N, C-alpha and C. Protein backbone atom coordinates (compact mmCIF):
# COMPACT_ATOMS: atom_id res chain seq x y z
N UNK A 1 7.86 29.24 -11.65
CA UNK A 1 8.07 28.10 -10.79
C UNK A 1 7.10 28.18 -9.63
N UNK A 2 6.47 27.10 -9.31
CA UNK A 2 5.47 27.04 -8.25
C UNK A 2 6.13 26.92 -6.89
N UNK A 3 5.50 27.53 -5.88
CA UNK A 3 5.97 27.42 -4.52
C UNK A 3 5.38 26.21 -3.81
N UNK A 4 4.52 25.49 -4.48
CA UNK A 4 3.87 24.32 -3.90
C UNK A 4 4.84 23.15 -3.93
N UNK A 5 5.05 22.49 -2.76
CA UNK A 5 5.94 21.33 -2.77
C UNK A 5 5.38 20.21 -3.63
N UNK A 6 6.26 19.50 -4.31
CA UNK A 6 5.78 18.39 -5.14
C UNK A 6 5.39 17.23 -4.24
N UNK A 7 4.35 16.53 -4.64
CA UNK A 7 3.87 15.36 -3.91
C UNK A 7 3.84 14.19 -4.86
N UNK A 8 4.27 13.07 -4.38
CA UNK A 8 4.18 11.85 -5.17
C UNK A 8 2.75 11.35 -5.10
N UNK A 9 2.15 11.15 -6.23
CA UNK A 9 0.77 10.69 -6.28
C UNK A 9 0.71 9.19 -6.03
N UNK A 10 -0.16 8.79 -5.13
CA UNK A 10 -0.33 7.37 -4.84
C UNK A 10 -1.00 6.69 -6.02
N UNK A 11 -0.60 5.46 -6.25
CA UNK A 11 -1.24 4.67 -7.30
C UNK A 11 -2.65 4.33 -6.85
N UNK A 12 -3.60 4.49 -7.75
CA UNK A 12 -4.97 4.06 -7.48
C UNK A 12 -5.42 3.22 -8.67
N UNK A 13 -5.96 2.06 -8.38
CA UNK A 13 -6.37 1.16 -9.44
C UNK A 13 -7.82 1.35 -9.86
N UNK A 14 -8.64 1.90 -8.98
CA UNK A 14 -10.04 2.14 -9.30
C UNK A 14 -10.75 0.85 -9.69
N UNK A 15 -11.39 0.85 -10.85
CA UNK A 15 -12.13 -0.32 -11.32
C UNK A 15 -11.23 -1.53 -11.59
N UNK A 16 -9.94 -1.29 -11.74
CA UNK A 16 -9.01 -2.39 -12.01
C UNK A 16 -8.59 -3.11 -10.73
N UNK A 17 -8.98 -2.61 -9.56
CA UNK A 17 -8.55 -3.24 -8.32
C UNK A 17 -9.11 -4.65 -8.17
N UNK A 18 -10.39 -4.83 -8.40
CA UNK A 18 -11.00 -6.15 -8.22
C UNK A 18 -10.35 -7.20 -9.12
N UNK A 19 -10.16 -6.93 -10.42
CA UNK A 19 -9.46 -7.92 -11.26
C UNK A 19 -8.03 -8.17 -10.78
N UNK A 20 -7.35 -7.14 -10.29
CA UNK A 20 -6.00 -7.30 -9.75
C UNK A 20 -6.01 -8.23 -8.55
N UNK A 21 -6.95 -8.02 -7.66
CA UNK A 21 -7.09 -8.85 -6.47
C UNK A 21 -7.39 -10.30 -6.85
N UNK A 22 -8.31 -10.51 -7.78
CA UNK A 22 -8.64 -11.85 -8.24
C UNK A 22 -7.44 -12.54 -8.88
N UNK A 23 -6.67 -11.79 -9.64
CA UNK A 23 -5.48 -12.35 -10.28
C UNK A 23 -4.42 -12.73 -9.25
N UNK A 24 -4.25 -11.90 -8.23
CA UNK A 24 -3.30 -12.22 -7.16
C UNK A 24 -3.74 -13.48 -6.42
N UNK A 25 -5.03 -13.58 -6.16
CA UNK A 25 -5.55 -14.79 -5.49
C UNK A 25 -5.31 -16.04 -6.33
N UNK A 26 -5.32 -15.87 -7.64
CA UNK A 26 -5.09 -17.00 -8.56
C UNK A 26 -3.60 -17.30 -8.72
N UNK A 27 -2.75 -16.51 -8.07
CA UNK A 27 -1.32 -16.76 -8.12
C UNK A 27 -0.60 -16.14 -9.30
N UNK A 28 -1.25 -15.20 -9.96
CA UNK A 28 -0.64 -14.55 -11.12
C UNK A 28 0.52 -13.66 -10.67
N UNK A 29 1.72 -13.95 -11.17
CA UNK A 29 2.92 -13.21 -10.76
C UNK A 29 2.81 -11.73 -11.08
N UNK A 30 2.25 -11.39 -12.24
CA UNK A 30 2.16 -9.97 -12.61
C UNK A 30 1.32 -9.19 -11.62
N UNK A 31 0.27 -9.81 -11.06
CA UNK A 31 -0.60 -9.13 -10.11
C UNK A 31 0.14 -8.88 -8.80
N UNK A 32 0.89 -9.88 -8.35
CA UNK A 32 1.68 -9.70 -7.12
C UNK A 32 2.74 -8.63 -7.31
N UNK A 33 3.32 -8.58 -8.49
CA UNK A 33 4.32 -7.55 -8.77
C UNK A 33 3.71 -6.16 -8.69
N UNK A 34 2.52 -5.99 -9.25
CA UNK A 34 1.83 -4.69 -9.19
C UNK A 34 1.50 -4.31 -7.75
N UNK A 35 1.00 -5.28 -6.98
CA UNK A 35 0.67 -5.01 -5.58
C UNK A 35 1.93 -4.62 -4.81
N UNK A 36 3.01 -5.34 -5.05
CA UNK A 36 4.27 -5.04 -4.37
C UNK A 36 4.77 -3.64 -4.74
N UNK A 37 4.75 -3.32 -6.02
CA UNK A 37 5.19 -1.98 -6.46
C UNK A 37 4.32 -0.90 -5.84
N UNK A 38 3.05 -1.18 -5.68
CA UNK A 38 2.09 -0.23 -5.13
C UNK A 38 2.34 0.02 -3.65
N UNK A 39 2.54 -1.06 -2.89
CA UNK A 39 2.56 -0.93 -1.44
C UNK A 39 3.93 -1.00 -0.78
N UNK A 40 4.94 -1.52 -1.44
CA UNK A 40 6.22 -1.70 -0.75
C UNK A 40 6.82 -0.40 -0.22
N UNK A 41 6.76 0.72 -0.95
CA UNK A 41 7.31 1.96 -0.37
C UNK A 41 6.51 2.43 0.85
N UNK A 42 5.21 2.22 0.81
CA UNK A 42 4.35 2.62 1.93
C UNK A 42 4.64 1.77 3.16
N UNK A 43 4.73 0.47 2.97
CA UNK A 43 5.00 -0.45 4.07
C UNK A 43 6.37 -0.14 4.68
N UNK A 44 7.39 -0.04 3.85
CA UNK A 44 8.74 0.23 4.35
C UNK A 44 8.81 1.58 5.06
N UNK A 45 8.17 2.58 4.50
CA UNK A 45 8.17 3.91 5.12
C UNK A 45 7.51 3.90 6.48
N UNK A 46 6.40 3.22 6.58
CA UNK A 46 5.69 3.14 7.86
C UNK A 46 6.55 2.43 8.90
N UNK A 47 7.14 1.32 8.51
CA UNK A 47 7.98 0.56 9.44
C UNK A 47 9.16 1.40 9.90
N UNK A 48 9.77 2.09 8.98
CA UNK A 48 10.92 2.94 9.31
C UNK A 48 10.52 4.06 10.27
N UNK A 49 9.35 4.64 10.06
CA UNK A 49 8.86 5.71 10.94
C UNK A 49 8.61 5.20 12.35
N UNK A 50 8.40 3.91 12.50
CA UNK A 50 8.20 3.33 13.82
C UNK A 50 9.51 3.09 14.56
N UNK A 51 10.62 3.39 13.90
CA UNK A 51 11.93 3.26 14.53
C UNK A 51 12.55 1.88 14.42
N UNK A 52 11.99 1.04 13.57
CA UNK A 52 12.53 -0.31 13.38
C UNK A 52 13.84 -0.22 12.61
N UNK A 53 14.85 -0.90 13.10
CA UNK A 53 16.16 -0.87 12.44
C UNK A 53 16.25 -1.85 11.28
N UNK A 54 15.60 -2.98 11.41
CA UNK A 54 15.64 -4.02 10.37
C UNK A 54 14.39 -3.94 9.51
N UNK A 55 14.28 -2.87 8.74
CA UNK A 55 13.09 -2.61 7.93
C UNK A 55 12.81 -3.76 6.97
N UNK A 56 13.84 -4.28 6.33
CA UNK A 56 13.65 -5.36 5.36
C UNK A 56 13.08 -6.62 6.00
N UNK A 57 13.56 -6.94 7.19
CA UNK A 57 13.07 -8.14 7.89
C UNK A 57 11.59 -8.00 8.24
N UNK A 58 11.22 -6.86 8.78
CA UNK A 58 9.82 -6.65 9.17
C UNK A 58 8.94 -6.56 7.92
N UNK A 59 9.44 -5.89 6.89
CA UNK A 59 8.68 -5.81 5.62
C UNK A 59 8.41 -7.19 5.06
N UNK A 60 9.39 -8.07 5.15
CA UNK A 60 9.21 -9.44 4.66
C UNK A 60 8.08 -10.14 5.40
N UNK A 61 8.03 -9.93 6.71
CA UNK A 61 6.95 -10.53 7.50
C UNK A 61 5.58 -9.98 7.10
N UNK A 62 5.53 -8.69 6.81
CA UNK A 62 4.28 -8.09 6.35
C UNK A 62 3.84 -8.72 5.04
N UNK A 63 4.78 -8.88 4.10
CA UNK A 63 4.43 -9.46 2.80
C UNK A 63 4.01 -10.92 2.90
N UNK A 64 4.61 -11.64 3.80
CA UNK A 64 4.18 -13.02 4.03
C UNK A 64 2.73 -13.02 4.54
N UNK A 65 2.42 -12.12 5.44
CA UNK A 65 1.05 -12.02 5.97
C UNK A 65 0.05 -11.65 4.88
N UNK A 66 0.45 -10.73 4.01
CA UNK A 66 -0.43 -10.34 2.90
C UNK A 66 -0.67 -11.54 1.99
N UNK A 67 0.40 -12.25 1.67
CA UNK A 67 0.28 -13.40 0.79
C UNK A 67 -0.64 -14.47 1.39
N UNK A 68 -0.44 -14.74 2.66
CA UNK A 68 -1.26 -15.76 3.32
C UNK A 68 -2.71 -15.34 3.52
N UNK A 69 -2.95 -14.05 3.69
CA UNK A 69 -4.29 -13.58 4.02
C UNK A 69 -5.11 -13.06 2.87
N UNK A 70 -4.56 -13.06 1.67
CA UNK A 70 -5.28 -12.45 0.55
C UNK A 70 -6.59 -13.18 0.23
N UNK A 71 -6.64 -14.47 0.46
CA UNK A 71 -7.87 -15.23 0.19
C UNK A 71 -9.03 -14.78 1.05
N UNK A 72 -8.75 -14.38 2.28
CA UNK A 72 -9.83 -14.01 3.20
C UNK A 72 -10.15 -12.51 3.17
N UNK A 73 -9.39 -11.74 2.40
CA UNK A 73 -9.66 -10.30 2.36
C UNK A 73 -10.95 -10.02 1.61
N UNK A 74 -11.75 -9.12 2.16
CA UNK A 74 -12.90 -8.59 1.44
C UNK A 74 -12.97 -7.10 1.76
N UNK A 75 -13.14 -6.31 0.75
CA UNK A 75 -13.22 -4.88 0.97
C UNK A 75 -12.74 -4.11 -0.24
N UNK A 76 -12.61 -2.84 -0.03
CA UNK A 76 -12.24 -1.91 -1.09
C UNK A 76 -10.73 -1.79 -1.23
N UNK A 77 -10.33 -1.10 -2.27
CA UNK A 77 -8.91 -0.81 -2.49
C UNK A 77 -8.33 -0.04 -1.30
N UNK A 78 -9.06 0.92 -0.81
CA UNK A 78 -8.62 1.71 0.33
C UNK A 78 -8.42 0.84 1.58
N UNK A 79 -9.35 -0.06 1.78
CA UNK A 79 -9.26 -0.96 2.94
C UNK A 79 -8.07 -1.90 2.79
N UNK A 80 -7.81 -2.38 1.60
CA UNK A 80 -6.66 -3.24 1.35
C UNK A 80 -5.38 -2.49 1.65
N UNK A 81 -5.30 -1.27 1.23
CA UNK A 81 -4.09 -0.46 1.44
C UNK A 81 -3.84 -0.24 2.93
N UNK A 82 -4.89 -0.07 3.69
CA UNK A 82 -4.68 0.18 5.12
C UNK A 82 -4.52 -1.12 5.86
C-alpha cells in the first residue's frame, strides 16, 4: 500500500477542447454537459472556500456568466478553466 495520498486527476480535453468549445457555442447540449461536469466541482469548491453560504446561488450566477460570455472567449483550455 502506498503512503502517497490519492489525488483526483483533473479532466483535460487536450486537442478535443476546441471542438468542445465550438459545440458549446453552437448550443450543443452534450458540450455544455461536459463543460459543467468538468468545472462544476471546481467552481463550487472555490466558492465554498471563500466562505459563501449559498454556494448553489453563486454557482448559478457563475454558470450564467459562462453561458453569456462563451462567444467572446478566446484562449486555451487552461485559460478557460481559470
